[in-house]
Amino acid sequence: MDDALSHPDDDSVPYDAGATWTAACVADLLSRHGVGARHQAAAVAQICAISISQARRKLRGAVWLFNEVLALCRHHGESLDTVFSAEPPATPWRTAPATAPAGHLPATLGLDGLQLPAHVQLGALCTADQPPTNALLATLHDDRWRVGSLTHLRQLGAGGACYRVAHLEVAPADDQPRARIAVLDDDESAAQALSDWFNEVGFQAEAFTDPLALYPRLERGFDAYVLDLMLGGGQTSQPVVERIRREQPAAPIVLLTGQLRDGKASESTLATLLRTQNVTFFEKPVRPAMITAAIQNSLDRQQAAA
């Protein structure tokens, strides 16, 4: 425990086998409250006031501090007894063929309520003494390979061997070119996490943390934009929205902020943008699937009108 505190970002911090079950319970807690697997490390880091790299290691089985677990339970309004009362679930991957099927296999990816066509390349077999807690897994269920988090596969009722995912490709719908999305947020981890999510569900996304890096790319244009309303140094993304609108009057623009309630974000600025710039707004925290639906609906309307 002292080692973990004195080297908070050192990958050599030892893992505790007893912490694996804690990590699984925490992952299930977060999933129950709508935090997808790709965003759990960021959520743990924010609630426990630790780095994202520390949070990732804890979700993979590194040692947890009691205060960290307690903070997570209190944040989500659940008791320690509720979160940790269940017996460790029976693992469905105790027996399996010695080698996994080779090649890229047709599969279905389950992600935040979406079911997406994909191709998966299987990695190492998951065994009972190596229970995965926060990994992307694949299993054969109802004669089709299913890919998702451990929680997702349990909800499906999958009972076959589970494999780690070595490579995953999400198939674009109807083989159409992937829509390009620019994500602007001065929080690099938040921008990258949302960009990664868009890439996984079939878009081609790129993360930016500074408008000055985005502006030169506007000449080629993106198909849609997701912008944090509040940027670093007290700036807002209003100038970015106005510049995009001058060059792309119809491109979907989604604004995000979690700072309305504390007054750091101006309601009048937001109202002006909503009234004059044809933008969509979501208050953080928001499920990525909701943002995706808003963007896809706008793109579909544009295509239908073309």
C-alpha atoms as a PDB file:
ATOM      1  CA  MET A   1       0.000   0.000   0.000  1.00  0.00           C
ATOM      2  CA  ASP A   2       2.856   2.398   0.813  1.00  0.00           C
ATOM      3  CA  ASP A   3       4.497   1.444  -2.473  1.00  0.00           C
ATOM      4  CA  ALA A   4       1.345   2.318  -4.384  1.00  0.00           C
ATOM      5  CA  LEU A   5       1.217   5.714  -2.701  1.00  0.00           C
ATOM      6  CA  SER A   6       4.883   6.544  -3.228  1.00  0.00           C
ATOM      7  CA  HIS A   7       4.833   5.528  -6.905  1.00  0.00           C
ATOM      8  CA  PRO A   8       1.351   6.519  -8.100  1.00  0.00           C
ATOM      9  CA  ASP A   9       2.081   6.177 -11.821  1.00  0.00           C
ATOM     10  CA  ASP A  10       4.612   3.330 -11.775  1.00  0.00           C
ATOM     11  CA  ASP A  11       3.521   0.282 -13.779  1.00  0.00           C
ATOM     12  CA  SER A  12       5.691  -1.880 -11.517  1.00  0.00           C
ATOM     13  CA  VAL A  13       3.270  -1.439  -8.574  1.00  0.00           C
ATOM     14  CA  PRO A  14       2.410  -5.011  -7.526  1.00  0.00           C
ATOM     15  CA  TYR A  15      -1.066  -6.415  -8.111  1.00  0.00           C
ATOM     16  CA  ASP A  16      -3.012  -8.012  -5.283  1.00  0.00           C
ATOM     17  CA  ALA A  17      -4.966 -11.144  -6.165  1.00  0.00           C
ATOM     18  CA  GLY A  18      -7.505 -10.240  -3.473  1.00  0.00           C
ATOM     19  CA  ALA A  19      -8.162  -6.925  -5.209  1.00  0.00           C
ATOM     20  CA  THR A  20      -9.418  -8.629  -8.360  1.00  0.00           C
ATOM     21  CA  TRP A  21     -12.841  -9.273  -6.860  1.00  0.00           C
ATOM     22  CA  THR A  22     -12.967  -5.683  -5.603  1.00  0.00           C
ATOM     23  CA  ALA A  23     -12.240  -4.469  -9.133  1.00  0.00           C
ATOM     24  CA  ALA A  24     -15.011  -6.688 -10.535  1.00  0.00           C
ATOM     25  CA  CYS A  25     -17.520  -5.347  -7.988  1.00  0.00           C
ATOM     26  CA  VAL A  26     -16.523  -1.756  -8.740  1.00  0.00           C
ATOM     27  CA  ALA A  27     -16.863  -2.375 -12.487  1.00  0.00           C
ATOM     28  CA  ASP A  28     -20.332  -3.848 -11.947  1.00  0.00           C
ATOM     29  CA  LEU A  29     -21.288  -0.876  -9.743  1.00  0.00           C
ATOM     30  CA  LEU A  30     -20.252   1.584 -12.426  1.00  0.00           C
ATOM     31  CA  SER A  31     -21.996  -0.396 -15.166  1.00  0.00           C
ATOM     32  CA  ARG A  32     -25.241  -0.407 -13.168  1.00  0.00           C
ATOM     33  CA  HIS A  33     -25.082   3.369 -13.048  1.00  0.00           C
ATOM     34  CA  GLY A  34     -24.551   3.793 -16.767  1.00  0.00           C
ATOM     35  CA  VAL A  35     -20.769   4.154 -16.906  1.00  0.00           C
ATOM     36  CA  GLY A  36     -19.502   2.186 -19.905  1.00  0.00           C
ATOM     37  CA  ALA A  37     -16.334   0.107 -19.682  1.00  0.00           C
ATOM     38  CA  ARG A  38     -14.258   2.614 -21.670  1.00  0.00           C
ATOM     39  CA  HIS A  39     -15.173   5.454 -19.301  1.00  0.00           C
ATOM     40  CA  GLN A  40     -14.844   3.652 -15.966  1.00  0.00           C
ATOM     41  CA  ALA A  41     -11.198   4.586 -15.394  1.00  0.00           C
ATOM     42  CA  ALA A  42     -11.991   8.274 -15.903  1.00  0.00           C
ATOM     43  CA  ALA A  43     -14.953   8.014 -13.509  1.00  0.00           C
ATOM     44  CA  VAL A  44     -12.865   6.280 -10.826  1.00  0.00           C
ATOM     45  CA  ALA A  45     -10.081   8.842 -11.231  1.00  0.00           C
ATOM     46  CA  GLN A  46     -12.474  11.757 -10.784  1.00  0.00           C
ATOM     47  CA  ILE A  47     -14.378  10.329  -7.808  1.00  0.00           C
ATOM     48  CA  CYS A  48     -11.292   8.989  -5.977  1.00  0.00           C
ATOM     49  CA  ALA A  49      -9.028  11.951  -6.848  1.00  0.00           C
ATOM     50  CA  ILE A  50      -6.355   9.745  -8.414  1.00  0.00           C
ATOM     51  CA  SER A  51      -4.728   9.658 -11.839  1.00  0.00           C
ATOM     52  CA  ILE A  52      -6.379   7.821 -14.722  1.00  0.00           C
ATOM     53  CA  SER A  53      -3.375   5.486 -14.971  1.00  0.00           C
ATOM     54  CA  GLN A  54      -3.832   4.540 -11.302  1.00  0.00           C
ATOM     55  CA  ALA A  55      -7.541   3.978 -11.895  1.00  0.00           C
ATOM     56  CA  ARG A  56      -6.850   1.715 -14.884  1.00  0.00           C
ATOM     57  CA  ARG A  57      -4.465  -0.433 -12.828  1.00  0.00           C
ATOM     58  CA  LYS A  58      -6.939  -0.721  -9.971  1.00  0.00           C
ATOM     59  CA  LEU A  59      -9.662  -1.841 -12.386  1.00  0.00           C
ATOM     60  CA  ARG A  60      -7.232  -4.470 -13.672  1.00  0.00           C
ATOM     61  CA  GLY A  61      -6.591  -5.787 -10.151  1.00  0.00           C
ATOM     62  CA  ALA A  62      -4.164  -3.473  -8.335  1.00  0.00           C
ATOM     63  CA  VAL A  63      -4.655  -2.709  -4.628  1.00  0.00           C
ATOM     64  CA  TRP A  64      -7.634  -0.536  -3.631  1.00  0.00           C
ATOM     65  CA  LEU A  65      -7.695   1.758  -0.604  1.00  0.00           C
ATOM     66  CA  PHE A  66     -10.763   1.517   1.606  1.00  0.00           C
ATOM     67  CA  ASN A  67     -11.474   5.239   1.272  1.00  0.00           C
ATOM     68  CA  GLU A  68     -11.489   4.910  -2.521  1.00  0.00           C
ATOM     69  CA  VAL A  69     -14.055   2.114  -2.463  1.00  0.00           C
ATOM     70  CA  LEU A  70     -16.154   4.000   0.089  1.00  0.00           C
ATOM     71  CA  ALA A  71     -16.095   7.147  -2.046  1.00  0.00           C
ATOM     72  CA  LEU A  72     -17.349   5.197  -5.071  1.00  0.00           C
ATOM     73  CA  CYS A  73     -20.190   3.620  -3.086  1.00  0.00           C
ATOM     74  CA  ARG A  74     -21.287   6.919  -1.569  1.00  0.00           C
ATOM     75  CA  HIS A  75     -21.089   8.720  -4.909  1.00  0.00           C
ATOM     76  CA  HIS A  76     -23.532   6.214  -6.433  1.00  0.00           C
ATOM     77  CA  GLY A  77     -25.761   5.964  -3.367  1.00  0.00           C
ATOM     78  CA  GLU A  78     -25.073   2.307  -2.612  1.00  0.00           C
ATOM     79  CA  SER A  79     -23.838   0.670   0.582  1.00  0.00           C
ATOM     80  CA  LEU A  80     -20.694  -1.421   0.892  1.00  0.00           C
ATOM     81  CA  ASP A  81     -22.872  -4.400   1.828  1.00  0.00           C
ATOM     82  CA  THR A  82     -24.893  -4.066  -1.371  1.00  0.00           C
ATOM     83  CA  VAL A  83     -21.886  -3.709  -3.640  1.00  0.00           C
ATOM     84  CA  PHE A  84     -19.844  -6.515  -2.103  1.00  0.00           C
ATOM     85  CA  SER A  85     -22.469  -8.899  -0.721  1.00  0.00           C
ATOM     86  CA  ALA A  86     -22.656 -11.196  -3.747  1.00  0.00           C
ATOM     87  CA  GLU A  87     -20.494 -14.263  -4.008  1.00  0.00           C
ATOM     88  CA  PRO A  88     -17.886 -14.170  -6.765  1.00  0.00           C
ATOM     89  CA  PRO A  89     -19.755 -15.202  -9.941  1.00  0.00           C
ATOM     90  CA  ALA A  90     -19.057 -18.541 -11.510  1.00  0.00           C
ATOM     91  CA  THR A  91     -16.713 -18.065 -14.455  1.00  0.00           C
ATOM     92  CA  PRO A  92     -17.980 -19.466 -17.756  1.00  0.00           C
ATOM     93  CA  TRP A  93     -14.489 -19.969 -19.194  1.00  0.00           C
ATOM     94  CA  ARG A  94     -13.215 -22.867 -17.053  1.00  0.00           C
ATOM     95  CA  THR A  95     -12.955 -25.241 -19.996  1.00  0.00           C
ATOM     96  CA  ALA A  96     -12.166 -24.397 -23.587  1.00  0.00           C
ATOM     97  CA  PRO A  97     -10.287 -25.630 -26.637  1.00  0.00           C
ATOM     98  CA  ALA A  98      -6.530 -25.337 -26.355  1.00  0.00           C
ATOM     99  CA  THR A  99      -6.377 -22.902 -29.290  1.00  0.00           C
ATOM    100  CA  ALA A 100      -8.780 -20.184 -30.359  1.00  0.00           C
ATOM    101  CA  PRO A 101     -10.187 -20.045 -33.908  1.00  0.00           C
ATOM    102  CA  ALA A 102      -7.798 -18.104 -36.134  1.00  0.00           C
ATOM    103  CA  GLY A 103      -8.469 -15.146 -38.386  1.00  0.00           C
ATOM    104  CA  HIS A 104     -10.929 -12.271 -38.252  1.00  0.00           C
ATOM    105  CA  LEU A 105     -14.303 -13.693 -37.255  1.00  0.00           C
ATOM    106  CA  PRO A 106     -17.721 -12.089 -37.865  1.00  0.00           C
ATOM    107  CA  ALA A 107     -19.031 -10.818 -34.520  1.00  0.00           C
ATOM    108  CA  THR A 108     -21.486  -8.499 -32.790  1.00  0.00           C
ATOM    109  CA  LEU A 109     -20.109  -5.790 -30.514  1.00  0.00           C
ATOM    110  CA  GLY A 110     -22.345  -4.810 -27.572  1.00  0.00           C
ATOM    111  CA  LEU A 111     -21.566  -1.269 -26.485  1.00  0.00           C
ATOM    112  CA  ASP A 112     -23.733   1.125 -24.425  1.00  0.00           C
ATOM    113  CA  GLY A 113     -26.953  -0.503 -25.625  1.00  0.00           C
ATOM    114  CA  LEU A 114     -25.879  -0.664 -29.259  1.00  0.00           C
ATOM    115  CA  GLN A 115     -25.344  -3.885 -31.238  1.00  0.00           C
ATOM    116  CA  LEU A 116     -22.767  -3.275 -33.953  1.00  0.00           C
ATOM    117  CA  PRO A 117     -21.459  -5.597 -36.683  1.00  0.00           C
ATOM    118  CA  ALA A 118     -17.745  -6.232 -36.336  1.00  0.00           C
ATOM    119  CA  HIS A 119     -14.860  -8.596 -37.023  1.00  0.00           C
ATOM    120  CA  VAL A 120     -12.805  -9.894 -34.107  1.00  0.00           C
ATOM    121  CA  GLN A 121      -9.434 -11.582 -33.801  1.00  0.00           C
ATOM    122  CA  LEU A 122      -9.231 -13.669 -30.633  1.00  0.00           C
ATOM    123  CA  GLY A 123      -6.409 -13.396 -28.150  1.00  0.00           C
ATOM    124  CA  ALA A 124      -5.545 -15.385 -25.026  1.00  0.00           C
ATOM    125  CA  LEU A 125      -8.057 -17.673 -23.356  1.00  0.00           C
ATOM    126  CA  CYS A 126      -9.412 -16.355 -20.045  1.00  0.00           C
ATOM    127  CA  THR A 127      -9.081 -18.924 -17.274  1.00  0.00           C
ATOM    128  CA  ALA A 128     -10.624 -19.163 -13.818  1.00  0.00           C
ATOM    129  CA  ASP A 129      -7.398 -18.053 -12.119  1.00  0.00           C
ATOM    130  CA  GLN A 130      -7.131 -15.023 -14.426  1.00  0.00           C
ATOM    131  CA  PRO A 131     -10.612 -13.474 -14.268  1.00  0.00           C
ATOM    132  CA  PRO A 132     -10.825 -10.376 -16.495  1.00  0.00           C
ATOM    133  CA  THR A 133     -12.380  -7.367 -14.783  1.00  0.00           C
ATOM    134  CA  ASN A 134     -12.244  -4.515 -17.265  1.00  0.00           C
ATOM    135  CA  ALA A 135     -11.235  -6.034 -20.582  1.00  0.00           C
ATOM    136  CA  LEU A 136     -12.930  -6.401 -23.923  1.00  0.00           C
ATOM    137  CA  LEU A 137     -13.872 -10.079 -24.276  1.00  0.00           C
ATOM    138  CA  ALA A 138     -15.284 -12.385 -26.942  1.00  0.00           C
ATOM    139  CA  THR A 139     -17.365 -15.551 -26.558  1.00  0.00           C
ATOM    140  CA  LEU A 140     -19.399 -17.783 -28.876  1.00  0.00           C
ATOM    141  CA  HIS A 141     -23.079 -17.428 -27.976  1.00  0.00           C
ATOM    142  CA  ASP A 142     -26.111 -18.531 -30.017  1.00  0.00           C
ATOM    143  CA  ASP A 143     -23.799 -19.539 -32.882  1.00  0.00           C
ATOM    144  CA  ARG A 144     -22.280 -16.053 -33.157  1.00  0.00           C
ATOM    145  CA  TRP A 145     -19.221 -14.423 -31.634  1.00  0.00           C
ATOM    146  CA  ARG A 146     -20.226 -11.753 -29.136  1.00  0.00           C
ATOM    147  CA  VAL A 147     -17.840  -9.019 -28.001  1.00  0.00           C
ATOM    148  CA  GLY A 148     -18.208  -6.800 -24.948  1.00  0.00           C
ATOM    149  CA  SER A 149     -17.373  -6.280 -21.297  1.00  0.00           C
ATOM    150  CA  LEU A 150     -17.633  -9.078 -18.748  1.00  0.00           C
ATOM    151  CA  THR A 151     -20.873  -7.529 -17.465  1.00  0.00           C
ATOM    152  CA  HIS A 152     -22.358  -7.414 -20.978  1.00  0.00           C
ATOM    153  CA  LEU A 153     -21.531 -11.069 -21.678  1.00  0.00           C
ATOM    154  CA  ARG A 154     -23.056 -12.117 -18.345  1.00  0.00           C
ATOM    155  CA  GLN A 155     -26.233 -10.227 -19.204  1.00  0.00           C
ATOM    156  CA  LEU A 156     -26.425 -12.159 -22.470  1.00  0.00           C
ATOM    157  CA  GLY A 157     -26.246 -15.396 -20.486  1.00  0.00           C
ATOM    158  CA  ALA A 158     -23.121 -16.495 -22.348  1.00  0.00           C
ATOM    159  CA  GLY A 159     -21.715 -19.726 -20.935  1.00  0.00           C
ATOM    160  CA  GLY A 160     -18.898 -20.696 -23.281  1.00  0.00           C
ATOM    161  CA  ALA A 161     -15.192 -20.030 -23.278  1.00  0.00           C
ATOM    162  CA  CYS A 162     -14.139 -16.371 -23.166  1.00  0.00           C
ATOM    163  CA  TYR A 163     -11.161 -14.927 -24.989  1.00  0.00           C
ATOM    164  CA  ARG A 164      -9.455 -11.585 -24.770  1.00  0.00           C
ATOM    165  CA  VAL A 165      -9.790  -9.482 -27.909  1.00  0.00           C
ATOM    166  CA  ALA A 166      -6.554  -9.121 -29.866  1.00  0.00           C
ATOM    167  CA  HIS A 167      -8.025  -6.955 -32.627  1.00  0.00           C
ATOM    168  CA  LEU A 168     -11.475  -5.550 -33.363  1.00  0.00           C
ATOM    169  CA  GLU A 169     -12.862  -3.845 -36.451  1.00  0.00           C
ATOM    170  CA  VAL A 170     -16.344  -2.325 -36.425  1.00  0.00           C
ATOM    171  CA  ALA A 171     -17.943  -2.631 -39.852  1.00  0.00           C
ATOM    172  CA  PRO A 172     -19.315   0.647 -41.280  1.00  0.00           C
ATOM    173  CA  ALA A 173     -23.046   0.346 -41.978  1.00  0.00           C
ATOM    174  CA  ASP A 174     -23.767  -0.691 -45.574  1.00  0.00           C
ATOM    175  CA  ASP A 175     -20.063  -0.200 -46.407  1.00  0.00           C
ATOM    176  CA  GLN A 176     -20.580   3.584 -46.496  1.00  0.00           C
ATOM    177  CA  PRO A 177     -17.591   5.874 -45.821  1.00  0.00           C
ATOM    178  CA  ARG A 178     -17.253   6.603 -42.130  1.00  0.00           C
ATOM    179  CA  ALA A 179     -18.450  10.027 -41.031  1.00  0.00           C
ATOM    180  CA  ARG A 180     -15.653  12.209 -39.637  1.00  0.00           C
ATOM    181  CA  ILE A 181     -16.149  13.788 -36.203  1.00  0.00           C
ATOM    182  CA  ALA A 182     -13.968  16.404 -34.504  1.00  0.00           C
ATOM    183  CA  VAL A 183     -13.994  16.364 -30.687  1.00  0.00           C
ATOM    184  CA  LEU A 184     -12.767  19.514 -28.901  1.00  0.00           C
ATOM    185  CA  ASP A 185     -12.233  19.495 -25.129  1.00  0.00           C
ATOM    186  CA  ASP A 186      -9.404  21.117 -23.187  1.00  0.00           C
ATOM    187  CA  ASP A 187      -9.369  17.983 -20.981  1.00  0.00           C
ATOM    188  CA  GLU A 188      -7.176  15.693 -23.084  1.00  0.00           C
ATOM    189  CA  SER A 189      -8.375  12.466 -21.445  1.00  0.00           C
ATOM    190  CA  ALA A 190     -12.033  13.401 -21.971  1.00  0.00           C
ATOM    191  CA  ALA A 191     -11.447  14.360 -25.615  1.00  0.00           C
ATOM    192  CA  GLN A 192      -9.544  11.159 -26.329  1.00  0.00           C
ATOM    193  CA  ALA A 193     -12.043   8.918 -24.530  1.00  0.00           C
ATOM    194  CA  LEU A 194     -14.974  10.303 -26.519  1.00  0.00           C
ATOM    195  CA  SER A 195     -12.976  10.142 -29.755  1.00  0.00           C
ATOM    196  CA  ASP A 196     -12.063   6.499 -29.041  1.00  0.00           C
ATOM    197  CA  TRP A 197     -15.722   5.700 -28.432  1.00  0.00           C
ATOM    198  CA  PHE A 198     -16.791   7.230 -31.763  1.00  0.00           C
ATOM    199  CA  ASN A 199     -14.069   5.276 -33.557  1.00  0.00           C
ATOM    200  CA  GLU A 200     -15.235   2.038 -31.976  1.00  0.00           C
ATOM    201  CA  VAL A 201     -18.854   2.496 -33.062  1.00  0.00           C
ATOM    202  CA  GLY A 202     -18.037   3.135 -36.702  1.00  0.00           C
ATOM    203  CA  PHE A 203     -17.112   6.806 -37.075  1.00  0.00           C
ATOM    204  CA  GLN A 204     -13.730   8.347 -37.828  1.00  0.00           C
ATOM    205  CA  ALA A 205     -13.036  10.712 -34.943  1.00  0.00           C
ATOM    206  CA  GLU A 206     -10.134  12.960 -34.024  1.00  0.00           C
ATOM    207  CA  ALA A 207      -9.504  14.609 -30.650  1.00  0.00           C
ATOM    208  CA  PHE A 208      -8.389  18.233 -30.183  1.00  0.00           C
ATOM    209  CA  THR A 209      -7.596  20.165 -27.005  1.00  0.00           C
ATOM    210  CA  ASP A 210      -7.029  23.607 -28.545  1.00  0.00           C
ATOM    211  CA  PRO A 211      -9.106  25.506 -31.146  1.00  0.00           C
ATOM    212  CA  LEU A 212      -5.878  26.639 -32.818  1.00  0.00           C
ATOM    213  CA  ALA A 213      -5.135  23.011 -33.682  1.00  0.00           C
ATOM    214  CA  LEU A 214      -8.649  22.494 -35.044  1.00  0.00           C
ATOM    215  CA  TYR A 215      -8.919  25.626 -37.206  1.00  0.00           C
ATOM    216  CA  PRO A 216      -6.441  24.552 -39.932  1.00  0.00           C
ATOM    217  CA  ARG A 217      -8.379  21.302 -40.341  1.00  0.00           C
ATOM    218  CA  LEU A 218     -11.662  23.092 -41.034  1.00  0.00           C
ATOM    219  CA  GLU A 219     -10.617  23.710 -44.639  1.00  0.00           C
ATOM    220  CA  ARG A 220     -11.132  20.017 -45.379  1.00  0.00           C
ATOM    221  CA  GLY A 221     -14.099  19.919 -43.021  1.00  0.00           C
ATOM    222  CA  PHE A 222     -15.476  17.300 -40.663  1.00  0.00           C
ATOM    223  CA  ASP A 223     -18.944  15.828 -40.966  1.00  0.00           C
ATOM    224  CA  ALA A 224     -19.838  16.691 -37.353  1.00  0.00           C
ATOM    225  CA  TYR A 225     -18.381  18.423 -34.293  1.00  0.00           C
ATOM    226  CA  VAL A 226     -18.582  17.761 -30.547  1.00  0.00           C
ATOM    227  CA  LEU A 227     -17.354  20.746 -28.525  1.00  0.00           C
ATOM    228  CA  ASP A 228     -17.004  21.418 -24.832  1.00  0.00           C
ATOM    229  CA  LEU A 229     -18.705  24.753 -24.159  1.00  0.00           C
ATOM    230  CA  MET A 230     -16.057  25.789 -21.599  1.00  0.00           C
ATOM    231  CA  LEU A 231     -12.420  25.671 -22.704  1.00  0.00           C
ATOM    232  CA  GLY A 232      -9.202  26.468 -20.864  1.00  0.00           C
ATOM    233  CA  GLY A 233      -8.490  29.922 -19.502  1.00  0.00           C
ATOM    234  CA  GLY A 234     -12.154  30.826 -19.175  1.00  0.00           C
ATOM    235  CA  GLN A 235     -12.692  30.779 -22.943  1.00  0.00           C
ATOM    236  CA  THR A 236     -15.888  29.441 -24.454  1.00  0.00           C
ATOM    237  CA  SER A 237     -16.291  27.574 -27.711  1.00  0.00           C
ATOM    238  CA  GLN A 238     -18.598  30.272 -29.125  1.00  0.00           C
ATOM    239  CA  PRO A 239     -15.919  31.568 -31.578  1.00  0.00           C
ATOM    240  CA  VAL A 240     -15.305  27.974 -32.704  1.00  0.00           C
ATOM    241  CA  VAL A 241     -19.012  27.407 -33.353  1.00  0.00           C
ATOM    242  CA  GLU A 242     -19.311  30.661 -35.290  1.00  0.00           C
ATOM    243  CA  ARG A 243     -16.281  29.839 -37.436  1.00  0.00           C
ATOM    244  CA  ILE A 244     -17.588  26.348 -38.198  1.00  0.00           C
ATOM    245  CA  ARG A 245     -20.961  27.792 -39.150  1.00  0.00           C
ATOM    246  CA  ARG A 246     -19.372  30.244 -41.607  1.00  0.00           C
ATOM    247  CA  GLU A 247     -17.738  27.355 -43.456  1.00  0.00           C
ATOM    248  CA  GLN A 248     -20.286  24.560 -42.841  1.00  0.00           C
ATOM    249  CA  PRO A 249     -23.783  25.966 -42.264  1.00  0.00           C
ATOM    250  CA  ALA A 250     -25.426  22.537 -41.889  1.00  0.00           C
ATOM    251  CA  ALA A 251     -22.818  20.409 -40.096  1.00  0.00           C
ATOM    252  CA  PRO A 252     -24.117  18.858 -36.839  1.00  0.00           C
ATOM    253  CA  ILE A 253     -22.575  20.604 -33.820  1.00  0.00           C
ATOM    254  CA  VAL A 254     -23.041  19.172 -30.319  1.00  0.00           C
ATOM    255  CA  LEU A 255     -22.145  21.292 -27.282  1.00  0.00           C
ATOM    256  CA  LEU A 256     -21.352  19.714 -23.906  1.00  0.00           C
ATOM    257  CA  THR A 257     -20.831  21.183 -20.463  1.00  0.00           C
ATOM    258  CA  GLY A 258     -21.072  20.165 -16.846  1.00  0.00           C
ATOM    259  CA  GLN A 259     -20.580  23.658 -15.472  1.00  0.00           C
ATOM    260  CA  LEU A 260     -24.029  25.224 -15.669  1.00  0.00           C
ATOM    261  CA  ARG A 261     -25.050  24.329 -12.137  1.00  0.00           C
ATOM    262  CA  ASP A 262     -21.987  25.915 -10.526  1.00  0.00           C
ATOM    263  CA  GLY A 263     -22.316  29.040 -12.679  1.00  0.00           C
ATOM    264  CA  LYS A 264     -18.976  28.636 -14.473  1.00  0.00           C
ATOM    265  CA  ALA A 265     -20.792  28.272 -17.789  1.00  0.00           C
ATOM    266  CA  SER A 266     -23.021  31.132 -18.918  1.00  0.00           C
ATOM    267  CA  GLU A 267     -26.635  30.239 -19.641  1.00  0.00           C
ATOM    268  CA  SER A 268     -26.958  33.356 -21.794  1.00  0.00           C
ATOM    269  CA  THR A 269     -24.015  32.283 -23.988  1.00  0.00           C
ATOM    270  CA  LEU A 270     -25.508  28.835 -24.372  1.00  0.00           C
ATOM    271  CA  ALA A 271     -28.963  30.251 -25.132  1.00  0.00           C
ATOM    272  CA  THR A 272     -27.507  32.521 -27.825  1.00  0.00           C
ATOM    273  CA  LEU A 273     -25.750  29.598 -29.505  1.00  0.00           C
ATOM    274  CA  LEU A 274     -28.870  27.443 -29.358  1.00  0.00           C
ATOM    275  CA  ARG A 275     -30.960  30.242 -30.860  1.00  0.00           C
ATOM    276  CA  THR A 276     -28.598  31.447 -33.591  1.00  0.00           C
ATOM    277  CA  GLN A 277     -26.218  28.647 -34.528  1.00  0.00           C
ATOM    278  CA  ASN A 278     -28.410  25.517 -34.837  1.00  0.00           C
ATOM    279  CA  VAL A 279     -26.527  23.456 -32.246  1.00  0.00           C
ATOM    280  CA  THR A 280     -27.551  20.555 -30.015  1.00  0.00           C
ATOM    281  CA  PHE A 281     -26.761  20.668 -26.298  1.00  0.00           C
ATOM    282  CA  PHE A 282     -26.223  17.968 -23.666  1.00  0.00           C
ATOM    283  CA  GLU A 283     -25.367  18.543 -20.018  1.00  0.00           C
ATOM    284  CA  LYS A 284     -22.588  16.358 -18.634  1.00  0.00           C
ATOM    285  CA  PRO A 285     -22.506  13.575 -17.667  1.00  0.00           C
ATOM    286  CA  VAL A 286     -24.126  12.244 -20.826  1.00  0.00           C
ATOM    287  CA  ARG A 287     -24.071   8.776 -22.344  1.00  0.00           C
ATOM    288  CA  PRO A 288     -22.001   8.705 -25.558  1.00  0.00           C
ATOM    289  CA  ALA A 289     -24.824   6.772 -27.217  1.00  0.00           C
ATOM    290  CA  MET A 290     -27.074   9.844 -26.830  1.00  0.00           C
ATOM    291  CA  ILE A 291     -24.511  12.062 -28.577  1.00  0.00           C
ATOM    292  CA  THR A 292     -24.109   9.451 -31.304  1.00  0.00           C
ATOM    293  CA  ALA A 293     -27.854   9.276 -31.870  1.00  0.00           C
ATOM    294  CA  ALA A 294     -28.126  13.063 -32.189  1.00  0.00           C
ATOM    295  CA  ILE A 295     -25.284  13.200 -34.720  1.00  0.00           C
ATOM    296  CA  GLN A 296     -26.544  10.236 -36.729  1.00  0.00           C
ATOM    297  CA  ASN A 297     -30.068  11.656 -36.869  1.00  0.00           C
ATOM    298  CA  SER A 298     -28.721  14.942 -38.246  1.00  0.00           C
ATOM    299  CA  LEU A 299     -26.557  13.166 -40.815  1.00  0.00           C
ATOM    300  CA  ASP A 300     -29.494  10.967 -41.870  1.00  0.00           C
ATOM    301  CA  ARG A 301     -31.703  14.029 -42.372  1.00  0.00           C
ATOM    302  CA  GLN A 302     -29.016  15.675 -44.488  1.00  0.00           C
ATOM    303  CA  GLN A 303     -28.679  12.565 -46.638  1.00  0.00           C
ATOM    304  CA  ALA A 304     -32.446  12.258 -47.075  1.00  0.00           C
ATOM    305  CA  ALA A 305     -32.685  15.898 -48.135  1.00  0.00           C
ATOM    306  CA  ALA A 306     -29.795  15.634 -50.614  1.00  0.00           C
END
